[in-house]
Amino acid sequence: MVGLTNTYLDQLGQATCPFWTGVWSCDRLKAMCKGQNKKKKSTKALACIVNLAPSSQPLGHFVALFYNQNRWKVFDPVGFLAIQNNQFIDTFLNKHRNDNNPACYLTHPVIQHDQSQFCGFYCLALLLAVFRENITIQDFYQLFLPFPSLDNDDIVKRYLIHVLKTTMK
């Protein structure tokens, strides 16, 4: 498989992830919040995957953006610090942040190899671990080798298959 598509990740997320809001291009985050505000006045949790490329670009890198425990968190399996400089994510987090709990950027440890194209799988796996399996972020990291490795791709695929099988029972 060469990379992942927004549509495929969204279908998996819809079928498996509580609090799922979709896969969004970074320049469409405002639309995600408008849709959620129509559904609920108070939101305790949200889970989505964001493509760091704007919708006008065909390729990009996926990160997980989620809200739980009164805090926004951004997870990047490759540890790109660029997520902290993405104008769309910055604007979104500045608008929706809680002054007592600033956003948390989860960029270390790096678990995805730079030649891997499965950033979307890592993001979905983290969201499922947190929202479906009630696994802590620290315990999620323990599932993988403690360094970027292509072997971690096999681990994340096995984890997703396990969760999908238990979800579809």
Foldseek 3Di string as FASTA:
>chain_A
DAADDQVVLQVLCVLFFPQEQGEEELQCVVVSVVVVVVVDVDDQKHKYKYFLHHPVDDDGAIWIWMHHPQEIEIEFLQLDPCCVVRVSNVVVQVVPHDVVYHYYYHRPPRAAAPPDRVRSLLRSLQSCCVGPVVHDPVVSCVQGDRHHDPVVVVSSVVSSVVSVVVSVD
